[in-house]
């Protein structure tokens, strides 16, 4: 399953690290607790629109850019999951030999 909050956390962490900011610096700049930001980055908490706005302002990145990047990564993950599911659903042909590496 593709979790939006996990993808969002990855994007936010990536932006923070690209800017060379620590969690403490981001926490101070965004006025959000360090622990809460950490949970958002790890995909354990959902961020409200107000929180996202504060984080994006502190990271000096437009919210639309963050959401676009999250949307792109979610789409890629959905395609990967769909491809894996399609492979699992393909029935073996009658008389086909299935090789095993085991």
PDB file of N, CA and C in Angstrom:
ATOM      1  N   UNK A   1       0.843  -1.170   0.000  1.00  0.00           N
ATOM      2  CA  UNK A   1       0.000   0.000   0.000  1.00  0.00           C
ATOM      3  C   UNK A   1       0.895   1.242   0.000  1.00  0.00           C
ATOM      4  N   UNK A   2       0.495   2.216  -0.775  1.00  0.00           N
ATOM      5  CA  UNK A   2       1.225   3.470  -0.861  1.00  0.00           C
ATOM      6  C   UNK A   2       0.662   4.430   0.190  1.00  0.00           C
ATOM      7  N   UNK A   3       1.517   4.882   1.095  1.00  0.00           N
ATOM      8  CA  UNK A   3       1.079   5.821   2.130  1.00  0.00           C
ATOM      9  C   UNK A   3       1.549   7.226   1.794  1.00  0.00           C
ATOM     10  N   UNK A   4       0.590   8.132   1.627  1.00  0.00           N
ATOM     11  CA  UNK A   4       0.901   9.524   1.314  1.00  0.00           C
ATOM     12  C   UNK A   4       1.806  10.129   2.377  1.00  0.00           C
ATOM     13  N   UNK A   5       1.495   9.858   3.649  1.00  0.00           N
ATOM     14  CA  UNK A   5       2.273  10.486   4.723  1.00  0.00           C
ATOM     15  C   UNK A   5       3.730  10.046   4.703  1.00  0.00           C
ATOM     16  N   UNK A   6       3.986   8.807   4.297  1.00  0.00           N
ATOM     17  CA  UNK A   6       5.370   8.330   4.227  1.00  0.00           C
ATOM     18  C   UNK A   6       6.117   9.023   3.087  1.00  0.00           C
ATOM     19  N   UNK A   7       5.445   9.158   1.949  1.00  0.00           N
ATOM     20  CA  UNK A   7       6.062   9.835   0.806  1.00  0.00           C
ATOM     21  C   UNK A   7       6.302  11.314   1.138  1.00  0.00           C
ATOM     22  N   UNK A   8       5.336  11.945   1.799  1.00  0.00           N
ATOM     23  CA  UNK A   8       5.477  13.342   2.196  1.00  0.00           C
ATOM     24  C   UNK A   8       6.659  13.512   3.144  1.00  0.00           C
ATOM     25  N   UNK A   9       6.776  12.627   4.106  1.00  0.00           N
ATOM     26  CA  UNK A   9       7.896  12.689   5.049  1.00  0.00           C
ATOM     27  C   UNK A   9       9.231  12.569   4.347  1.00  0.00           C
ATOM     28  N   UNK A  10       9.314  11.667   3.372  1.00  0.00           N
ATOM     29  CA  UNK A  10      10.565  11.504   2.611  1.00  0.00           C
ATOM     30  C   UNK A  10      10.918  12.774   1.852  1.00  0.00           C
ATOM     31  N   UNK A  11       9.921  13.399   1.241  1.00  0.00           N
ATOM     32  CA  UNK A  11      10.168  14.626   0.475  1.00  0.00           C
ATOM     33  C   UNK A  11      10.597  15.757   1.408  1.00  0.00           C
ATOM     34  N   UNK A  12       9.908  15.908   2.523  1.00  0.00           N
ATOM     35  CA  UNK A  12      10.273  16.972   3.466  1.00  0.00           C
ATOM     36  C   UNK A  12      11.679  16.758   4.032  1.00  0.00           C
ATOM     37  N   UNK A  13      12.008  15.524   4.383  1.00  0.00           N
ATOM     38  CA  UNK A  13      13.349  15.231   4.895  1.00  0.00           C
ATOM     39  C   UNK A  13      14.398  15.551   3.819  1.00  0.00           C
ATOM     40  N   UNK A  14      14.104  15.171   2.595  1.00  0.00           N
ATOM     41  CA  UNK A  14      15.030  15.457   1.494  1.00  0.00           C
ATOM     42  C   UNK A  14      15.264  16.950   1.323  1.00  0.00           C
ATOM     43  N   UNK A  15      14.196  17.735   1.399  1.00  0.00           N
ATOM     44  CA  UNK A  15      14.328  19.197   1.278  1.00  0.00           C
ATOM     45  C   UNK A  15      15.159  19.762   2.425  1.00  0.00           C
ATOM     46  N   UNK A  16      14.888  19.273   3.630  1.00  0.00           N
ATOM     47  CA  UNK A  16      15.634  19.763   4.797  1.00  0.00           C
ATOM     48  C   UNK A  16      17.117  19.441   4.656  1.00  0.00           C
ATOM     49  N   UNK A  17      17.412  18.229   4.250  1.00  0.00           N
ATOM     50  CA  UNK A  17      18.811  17.814   4.129  1.00  0.00           C
ATOM     51  C   UNK A  17      19.518  18.546   2.987  1.00  0.00           C
ATOM     52  N   UNK A  18      18.801  18.785   1.876  1.00  0.00           N
ATOM     53  CA  UNK A  18      19.399  19.547   0.760  1.00  0.00           C
ATOM     54  C   UNK A  18      19.812  20.944   1.209  1.00  0.00           C
ATOM     55  N   UNK A  19      19.068  21.474   2.154  1.00  0.00           N
ATOM     56  CA  UNK A  19      19.384  22.821   2.648  1.00  0.00           C
ATOM     57  C   UNK A  19      20.375  22.778   3.809  1.00  0.00           C
ATOM     58  N   UNK A  20      20.766  21.595   4.202  1.00  0.00           N
ATOM     59  CA  UNK A  20      21.741  21.454   5.277  1.00  0.00           C
ATOM     60  C   UNK A  20      21.190  21.850   6.633  1.00  0.00           C
ATOM     61  N   UNK A  21      19.886  21.713   6.799  1.00  0.00           N
ATOM     62  CA  UNK A  21      19.251  22.087   8.066  1.00  0.00           C
ATOM     63  C   UNK A  21      19.130  20.878   8.981  1.00  0.00           C
ATOM     64  N   UNK A  22      19.300  21.113  10.255  1.00  0.00           N
ATOM     65  CA  UNK A  22      19.038  20.072  11.244  1.00  0.00           C
ATOM     66  C   UNK A  22      17.561  20.123  11.611  1.00  0.00           C
ATOM     67  N   UNK A  23      17.095  19.069  12.257  1.00  0.00           N
ATOM     68  CA  UNK A  23      15.719  19.083  12.761  1.00  0.00           C
ATOM     69  C   UNK A  23      15.520  20.240  13.738  1.00  0.00           C
ATOM     70  N   UNK A  24      16.527  20.479  14.555  1.00  0.00           N
ATOM     71  CA  UNK A  24      16.441  21.566  15.537  1.00  0.00           C
ATOM     72  C   UNK A  24      16.277  22.922  14.846  1.00  0.00           C
ATOM     73  N   UNK A  25      17.035  23.142  13.782  1.00  0.00           N
ATOM     74  CA  UNK A  25      16.932  24.415  13.046  1.00  0.00           C
ATOM     75  C   UNK A  25      15.554  24.559  12.400  1.00  0.00           C
ATOM     76  N   UNK A  26      15.084  23.480  11.779  1.00  0.00           N
ATOM     77  CA  UNK A  26      13.767  23.526  11.145  1.00  0.00           C
ATOM     78  C   UNK A  26      12.680  23.742  12.196  1.00  0.00           C
ATOM     79  N   UNK A  27      12.804  23.069  13.316  1.00  0.00           N
ATOM     80  CA  UNK A  27      11.845  23.208  14.398  1.00  0.00           C
ATOM     81  C   UNK A  27      11.757  24.657  14.867  1.00  0.00           C
ATOM     82  N   UNK A  28      12.906  25.273  15.046  1.00  0.00           N
ATOM     83  CA  UNK A  28      12.944  26.659  15.493  1.00  0.00           C
ATOM     84  C   UNK A  28      12.358  27.601  14.446  1.00  0.00           C
ATOM     85  N   UNK A  29      12.739  27.388  13.203  1.00  0.00           N
ATOM     86  CA  UNK A  29      12.291  28.262  12.113  1.00  0.00           C
ATOM     87  C   UNK A  29      10.782  28.113  11.863  1.00  0.00           C
ATOM     88  N   UNK A  30      10.276  26.887  11.904  1.00  0.00           N
ATOM     89  CA  UNK A  30       8.863  26.637  11.610  1.00  0.00           C
ATOM     90  C   UNK A  30       7.975  26.769  12.843  1.00  0.00           C
ATOM     91  N   UNK A  31       8.600  26.821  14.021  1.00  0.00           N
ATOM     92  CA  UNK A  31       7.864  26.888  15.293  1.00  0.00           C
ATOM     93  C   UNK A  31       6.960  25.666  15.483  1.00  0.00           C
ATOM     94  N   UNK A  32       7.565  24.504  15.202  1.00  0.00           N
ATOM     95  CA  UNK A  32       6.905  23.210  15.374  1.00  0.00           C
ATOM     96  C   UNK A  32       7.869  22.353  16.180  1.00  0.00           C
ATOM     97  N   UNK A  33       7.339  21.548  17.083  1.00  0.00           N
ATOM     98  CA  UNK A  33       8.232  20.764  17.931  1.00  0.00           C
ATOM     99  C   UNK A  33       9.098  19.820  17.101  1.00  0.00           C
ATOM    100  N   UNK A  34      10.315  19.672  17.543  1.00  0.00           N
ATOM    101  CA  UNK A  34      11.284  18.810  16.875  1.00  0.00           C
ATOM    102  C   UNK A  34      10.747  17.377  16.776  1.00  0.00           C
ATOM    103  N   UNK A  35      10.176  16.869  17.840  1.00  0.00           N
ATOM    104  CA  UNK A  35       9.640  15.509  17.852  1.00  0.00           C
ATOM    105  C   UNK A  35       8.528  15.317  16.838  1.00  0.00           C
ATOM    106  N   UNK A  36       7.676  16.323  16.692  1.00  0.00           N
ATOM    107  CA  UNK A  36       6.560  16.215  15.754  1.00  0.00           C
ATOM    108  C   UNK A  36       7.075  16.223  14.316  1.00  0.00           C
ATOM    109  N   UNK A  37       8.048  17.076  14.029  1.00  0.00           N
ATOM    110  CA  UNK A  37       8.642  17.100  12.686  1.00  0.00           C
ATOM    111  C   UNK A  37       9.289  15.751  12.388  1.00  0.00           C
ATOM    112  N   UNK A  38       9.970  15.207  13.363  1.00  0.00           N
ATOM    113  CA  UNK A  38      10.603  13.904  13.186  1.00  0.00           C
ATOM    114  C   UNK A  38       9.563  12.837  12.843  1.00  0.00           C
ATOM    115  N   UNK A  39       8.431  12.865  13.538  1.00  0.00           N
ATOM    116  CA  UNK A  39       7.375  11.891  13.258  1.00  0.00           C
ATOM    117  C   UNK A  39       6.770  12.090  11.870  1.00  0.00           C
ATOM    118  N   UNK A  40       6.652  13.333  11.444  1.00  0.00           N
ATOM    119  CA  UNK A  40       6.153  13.621  10.090  1.00  0.00           C
ATOM    120  C   UNK A  40       7.141  13.077   9.063  1.00  0.00           C
ATOM    121  N   UNK A  41       8.421  13.347   9.260  1.00  0.00           N
ATOM    122  CA  UNK A  41       9.444  12.889   8.323  1.00  0.00           C
ATOM    123  C   UNK A  41       9.498  11.366   8.232  1.00  0.00           C
ATOM    124  N   UNK A  42       9.191  10.681   9.329  1.00  0.00           N
ATOM    125  CA  UNK A  42       9.210   9.215   9.328  1.00  0.00           C
ATOM    126  C   UNK A  42       7.882   8.620   8.889  1.00  0.00           C
ATOM    127  N   UNK A  43       6.923   9.485   8.527  1.00  0.00           N
ATOM    128  CA  UNK A  43       5.634   9.005   8.058  1.00  0.00           C
ATOM    129  C   UNK A  43       4.739   8.459   9.146  1.00  0.00           C
ATOM    130  N   UNK A  44       5.004   8.846  10.381  1.00  0.00           N
ATOM    131  CA  UNK A  44       4.219   8.342  11.503  1.00  0.00           C
ATOM    132  C   UNK A  44       3.062   9.267  11.883  1.00  0.00           C
ATOM    133  N   UNK A  45       3.134  10.512  11.452  1.00  0.00           N
ATOM    134  CA  UNK A  45       2.077  11.488  11.748  1.00  0.00           C
ATOM    135  C   UNK A  45       1.643  12.167  10.464  1.00  0.00           C
ATOM    136  N   UNK A  46       0.364  12.516  10.418  1.00  0.00           N
ATOM    137  CA  UNK A  46      -0.187  13.295   9.317  1.00  0.00           C
ATOM    138  C   UNK A  46       0.030  14.773   9.651  1.00  0.00           C
ATOM    139  N   UNK A  47       0.449  15.527   8.663  1.00  0.00           N
ATOM    140  CA  UNK A  47       0.652  16.967   8.864  1.00  0.00           C
ATOM    141  C   UNK A  47      -0.565  17.725   8.349  1.00  0.00           C
ATOM    142  N   UNK A  48      -1.055  18.654   9.148  1.00  0.00           N
ATOM    143  CA  UNK A  48      -2.167  19.501   8.703  1.00  0.00           C
ATOM    144  C   UNK A  48      -1.671  20.464   7.635  1.00  0.00           C
ATOM    145  N   UNK A  49      -2.592  21.078   6.927  1.00  0.00           N
ATOM    146  CA  UNK A  49      -2.199  22.041   5.891  1.00  0.00           C
ATOM    147  C   UNK A  49      -1.447  23.223   6.503  1.00  0.00           C
ATOM    148  N   UNK A  50      -1.820  23.623   7.702  1.00  0.00           N
ATOM    149  CA  UNK A  50      -1.131  24.736   8.362  1.00  0.00           C
ATOM    150  C   UNK A  50       0.308  24.355   8.705  1.00  0.00           C
ATOM    151  N   UNK A  51       0.482  23.129   9.207  1.00  0.00           N
ATOM    152  CA  UNK A  51       1.830  22.648   9.524  1.00  0.00           C
ATOM    153  C   UNK A  51       2.687  22.555   8.266  1.00  0.00           C
ATOM    154  N   UNK A  52       2.112  22.014   7.197  1.00  0.00           N
ATOM    155  CA  UNK A  52       2.848  21.909   5.937  1.00  0.00           C
ATOM    156  C   UNK A  52       3.269  23.277   5.434  1.00  0.00           C
ATOM    157  N   UNK A  53       2.372  24.228   5.545  1.00  0.00           N
ATOM    158  CA  UNK A  53       2.690  25.580   5.113  1.00  0.00           C
ATOM    159  C   UNK A  53       3.865  26.140   5.915  1.00  0.00           C
ATOM    160  N   UNK A  54       3.844  25.955   7.238  1.00  0.00           N
ATOM    161  CA  UNK A  54       4.932  26.444   8.096  1.00  0.00           C
ATOM    162  C   UNK A  54       6.255  25.763   7.755  1.00  0.00           C
ATOM    163  N   UNK A  55       6.204  24.449   7.536  1.00  0.00           N
ATOM    164  CA  UNK A  55       7.425  23.715   7.183  1.00  0.00           C
ATOM    165  C   UNK A  55       7.977  24.196   5.845  1.00  0.00           C
ATOM    166  N   UNK A  56       7.101  24.378   4.872  1.00  0.00           N
ATOM    167  CA  UNK A  56       7.548  24.830   3.552  1.00  0.00           C
ATOM    168  C   UNK A  56       8.121  26.245   3.609  1.00  0.00           C
ATOM    169  N   UNK A  57       7.495  27.109   4.383  1.00  0.00           N
ATOM    170  CA  UNK A  57       8.042  28.462   4.546  1.00  0.00           C
ATOM    171  C   UNK A  57       9.436  28.403   5.156  1.00  0.00           C
ATOM    172  N   UNK A  58       9.598  27.597   6.191  1.00  0.00           N
ATOM    173  CA  UNK A  58      10.900  27.477   6.859  1.00  0.00           C
ATOM    174  C   UNK A  58      11.939  26.867   5.924  1.00  0.00           C
ATOM    175  N   UNK A  59      11.507  25.985   5.029  1.00  0.00           N
ATOM    176  CA  UNK A  59      12.423  25.350   4.072  1.00  0.00           C
ATOM    177  C   UNK A  59      12.611  26.191   2.814  1.00  0.00           C
ATOM    178  N   UNK A  60      11.846  27.278   2.740  1.00  0.00           N
ATOM    179  CA  UNK A  60      11.890  28.175   1.577  1.00  0.00           C
ATOM    180  C   UNK A  60      11.620  27.429   0.274  1.00  0.00           C
ATOM    181  N   UNK A  61      10.564  26.627   0.304  1.00  0.00           N
ATOM    182  CA  UNK A  61      10.140  25.858  -0.865  1.00  0.00           C
ATOM    183  C   UNK A  61       8.617  25.991  -0.962  1.00  0.00           C
ATOM    184  N   UNK A  62       8.111  26.235  -2.163  1.00  0.00           N
ATOM    185  CA  UNK A  62       6.655  26.353  -2.296  1.00  0.00           C
ATOM    186  C   UNK A  62       5.945  25.041  -1.945  1.00  0.00           C
ATOM    187  N   UNK A  63       4.827  25.160  -1.266  1.00  0.00           N
ATOM    188  CA  UNK A  63       4.033  23.996  -0.906  1.00  0.00           C
ATOM    189  C   UNK A  63       3.650  23.215  -2.163  1.00  0.00           C
ATOM    190  N   UNK A  64       3.328  23.934  -3.230  1.00  0.00           N
ATOM    191  CA  UNK A  64       2.934  23.262  -4.476  1.00  0.00           C
ATOM    192  C   UNK A  64       4.059  22.391  -5.017  1.00  0.00           C
ATOM    193  N   UNK A  65       5.299  22.812  -4.840  1.00  0.00           N
ATOM    194  CA  UNK A  65       6.447  22.019  -5.294  1.00  0.00           C
ATOM    195  C   UNK A  65       6.584  20.733  -4.477  1.00  0.00           C
ATOM    196  N   UNK A  66       6.399  20.847  -3.174  1.00  0.00           N
ATOM    197  CA  UNK A  66       6.475  19.673  -2.301  1.00  0.00           C
ATOM    198  C   UNK A  66       5.358  18.696  -2.664  1.00  0.00           C
ATOM    199  N   UNK A  67       4.139  19.208  -2.825  1.00  0.00           N
ATOM    200  CA  UNK A  67       3.012  18.339  -3.153  1.00  0.00           C
ATOM    201  C   UNK A  67       3.172  17.704  -4.530  1.00  0.00           C
ATOM    202  N   UNK A  68       3.739  18.437  -5.473  1.00  0.00           N
ATOM    203  CA  UNK A  68       3.979  17.888  -6.808  1.00  0.00           C
ATOM    204  C   UNK A  68       4.985  16.735  -6.733  1.00  0.00           C
ATOM    205  N   UNK A  69       6.050  16.927  -5.964  1.00  0.00           N
ATOM    206  CA  UNK A  69       7.057  15.875  -5.811  1.00  0.00           C
ATOM    207  C   UNK A  69       6.459  14.651  -5.120  1.00  0.00           C
ATOM    208  N   UNK A  70       5.636  14.879  -4.100  1.00  0.00           N
ATOM    209  CA  UNK A  70       4.978  13.763  -3.408  1.00  0.00           C
ATOM    210  C   UNK A  70       4.057  13.044  -4.389  1.00  0.00           C
ATOM    211  N   UNK A  71       3.297  13.801  -5.152  1.00  0.00           N
ATOM    212  CA  UNK A  71       2.388  13.204  -6.127  1.00  0.00           C
ATOM    213  C   UNK A  71       3.148  12.354  -7.140  1.00  0.00           C
ATOM    214  N   UNK A  72       4.282  12.849  -7.603  1.00  0.00           N
ATOM    215  CA  UNK A  72       5.096  12.091  -8.556  1.00  0.00           C
ATOM    216  C   UNK A  72       5.613  10.785  -7.938  1.00  0.00           C
ATOM    217  N   UNK A  73       6.077  10.849  -6.707  1.00  0.00           N
ATOM    218  CA  UNK A  73       6.606   9.638  -6.068  1.00  0.00           C
ATOM    219  C   UNK A  73       5.484   8.639  -5.761  1.00  0.00           C
ATOM    220  N   UNK A  74       4.305   9.153  -5.408  1.00  0.00           N
ATOM    221  CA  UNK A  74       3.162   8.269  -5.176  1.00  0.00           C
ATOM    222  C   UNK A  74       2.784   7.570  -6.483  1.00  0.00           C
ATOM    223  N   UNK A  75       2.768   8.307  -7.591  1.00  0.00           N
ATOM    224  CA  UNK A  75       2.427   7.719  -8.889  1.00  0.00           C
ATOM    225  C   UNK A  75       3.419   6.625  -9.279  1.00  0.00           C
ATOM    226  N   UNK A  76       4.687   6.866  -9.055  1.00  0.00           N
ATOM    227  CA  UNK A  76       5.717   5.864  -9.367  1.00  0.00           C
ATOM    228  C   UNK A  76       5.522   4.622  -8.509  1.00  0.00           C
ATOM    229  N   UNK A  77       5.254   4.823  -7.235  1.00  0.00           N
ATOM    230  CA  UNK A  77       5.046   3.693  -6.325  1.00  0.00           C
ATOM    231  C   UNK A  77       3.785   2.910  -6.704  1.00  0.00           C
ATOM    232  N   UNK A  78       2.735   3.615  -7.087  1.00  0.00           N
ATOM    233  CA  UNK A  78       1.513   2.934  -7.523  1.00  0.00           C
ATOM    234  C   UNK A  78       1.772   2.078  -8.763  1.00  0.00           C
ATOM    235  N   UNK A  79       2.550   2.610  -9.695  1.00  0.00           N
ATOM    236  CA  UNK A  79       2.882   1.851 -10.902  1.00  0.00           C
ATOM    237  C   UNK A  79       3.694   0.608 -10.555  1.00  0.00           C
ATOM    238  N   UNK A  80       4.623   0.744  -9.630  1.00  0.00           N
ATOM    239  CA  UNK A  80       5.441  -0.389  -9.222  1.00  0.00           C
ATOM    240  C   UNK A  80       4.574  -1.478  -8.586  1.00  0.00           C
ATOM    241  N   UNK A  81       3.687  -1.070  -7.694  1.00  0.00           N
ATOM    242  CA  UNK A  81       2.801  -2.024  -7.025  1.00  0.00           C
ATOM    243  C   UNK A  81       1.873  -2.685  -8.045  1.00  0.00           C
ATOM    244  N   UNK A  82       1.333  -1.905  -8.982  1.00  0.00           N
ATOM    245  CA  UNK A  82       0.446  -2.467 -10.006  1.00  0.00           C
ATOM    246  C   UNK A  82       1.189  -3.473 -10.874  1.00  0.00           C
ATOM    247  N   UNK A  83       2.435  -3.180 -11.227  1.00  0.00           N
ATOM    248  CA  UNK A  83       3.227  -4.094 -12.050  1.00  0.00           C
ATOM    249  C   UNK A  83       3.496  -5.390 -11.294  1.00  0.00           C
ATOM    250  N   UNK A  84       3.829  -5.282 -10.015  1.00  0.00           N
ATOM    251  CA  UNK A  84       4.078  -6.477  -9.205  1.00  0.00           C
ATOM    252  C   UNK A  84       2.810  -7.321  -9.076  1.00  0.00           C
ATOM    253  N   UNK A  85       1.689  -6.659  -8.881  1.00  0.00           N
ATOM    254  CA  UNK A  85       0.414  -7.355  -8.751  1.00  0.00           C
ATOM    255  C   UNK A  85       0.040  -8.046 -10.059  1.00  0.00           C
ATOM    256  N   UNK A  86       0.294  -7.385 -11.186  1.00  0.00           N
ATOM    257  CA  UNK A  86      -0.017  -7.969 -12.493  1.00  0.00           C
ATOM    258  C   UNK A  86       0.824  -9.220 -12.728  1.00  0.00           C
ATOM    259  N   UNK A  87       2.089  -9.188 -12.342  1.00  0.00           N
ATOM    260  CA  UNK A  87       2.967 -10.346 -12.505  1.00  0.00           C
ATOM    261  C   UNK A  87       2.470 -11.507 -11.654  1.00  0.00           C
ATOM    262  N   UNK A  88       2.025 -11.219 -10.444  1.00  0.00           N
ATOM    263  CA  UNK A  88       1.529 -12.257  -9.551  1.00  0.00           C
ATOM    264  C   UNK A  88       0.249 -12.897 -10.078  1.00  0.00           C
ATOM    265  N   UNK A  89      -0.537 -12.163 -10.861  1.00  0.00           N
ATOM    266  CA  UNK A  89      -1.828 -12.661 -11.359  1.00  0.00           C
ATOM    267  C   UNK A  89      -1.715 -13.438 -12.665  1.00  0.00           C
ATOM    268  N   UNK A  90      -0.563 -13.384 -13.325  1.00  0.00           N
ATOM    269  CA  UNK A  90      -0.399 -14.081 -14.583  1.00  0.00           C
ATOM    270  C   UNK A  90      -0.373 -15.584 -14.305  1.00  0.00           C
ATOM    271  N   UNK A  91      -1.353 -16.331 -14.867  1.00  0.00           N
ATOM    272  CA  UNK A  91      -1.374 -17.773 -14.618  1.00  0.00           C
ATOM    273  C   UNK A  91      -0.288 -18.479 -15.416  1.00  0.00           C
ATOM    274  N   UNK A  92       0.250 -19.535 -14.825  1.00  0.00           N
ATOM    275  CA  UNK A  92       1.263 -20.339 -15.517  1.00  0.00           C
ATOM    276  C   UNK A  92       0.575 -21.116 -16.629  1.00  0.00           C
ATOM    277  N   UNK A  93       1.256 -21.252 -17.763  1.00  0.00           N
ATOM    278  CA  UNK A  93       0.691 -22.013 -18.892  1.00  0.00           C
ATOM    279  C   UNK A  93       0.728 -23.500 -18.558  1.00  0.00           C
ATOM    280  N   UNK A  94      -0.234 -24.201 -19.072  1.00  0.00           N
ATOM    281  CA  UNK A  94      -0.281 -25.650 -18.852  1.00  0.00           C
ATOM    282  C   UNK A  94       0.956 -26.293 -19.437  1.00  0.00           C
ATOM    283  N   UNK A  95       1.607 -27.116 -18.664  1.00  0.00           N
ATOM    284  CA  UNK A  95       2.811 -27.813 -19.127  1.00  0.00           C
ATOM    285  C   UNK A  95       4.059 -26.980 -19.056  1.00  0.00           C
ATOM    286  N   UNK A  96       3.951 -25.724 -18.579  1.00  0.00           N
ATOM    287  CA  UNK A  96       5.133 -24.849 -18.496  1.00  0.00           C
ATOM    288  C   UNK A  96       6.020 -25.321 -17.356  1.00  0.00           C
ATOM    289  N   UNK A  97       7.303 -25.222 -17.565  1.00  0.00           N
ATOM    290  CA  UNK A  97       8.279 -25.597 -16.540  1.00  0.00           C
ATOM    291  C   UNK A  97       8.632 -24.343 -15.771  1.00  0.00           C
ATOM    292  N   UNK A  98       8.533 -24.401 -14.476  1.00  0.00           N
ATOM    293  CA  UNK A  98       8.856 -23.263 -13.617  1.00  0.00           C
ATOM    294  C   UNK A  98      10.192 -23.571 -12.961  1.00  0.00           C
ATOM    295  N   UNK A  99      11.171 -22.718 -13.208  1.00  0.00           N
ATOM    296  CA  UNK A  99      12.510 -22.927 -12.632  1.00  0.00           C
ATOM    297  C   UNK A  99      12.545 -22.317 -11.242  1.00  0.00           C
ATOM    298  N   UNK A 100      13.338 -22.916 -10.406  1.00  0.00           N
ATOM    299  CA  UNK A 100      13.502 -22.412  -9.049  1.00  0.00           C
ATOM    300  C   UNK A 100      14.984 -22.261  -8.756  1.00  0.00           C
ATOM    301  N   UNK A 101      15.325 -21.167  -8.108  1.00  0.00           N
ATOM    302  CA  UNK A 101      16.726 -20.924  -7.752  1.00  0.00           C
ATOM    303  C   UNK A 101      17.092 -21.636  -6.467  1.00  0.00           C
ATOM    304  N   UNK A 102      16.124 -22.194  -5.790  1.00  0.00           N
ATOM    305  CA  UNK A 102      16.367 -22.848  -4.497  1.00  0.00           C
ATOM    306  C   UNK A 102      16.976 -24.219  -4.635  1.00  0.00           C
TER     307      UNK A 102
END
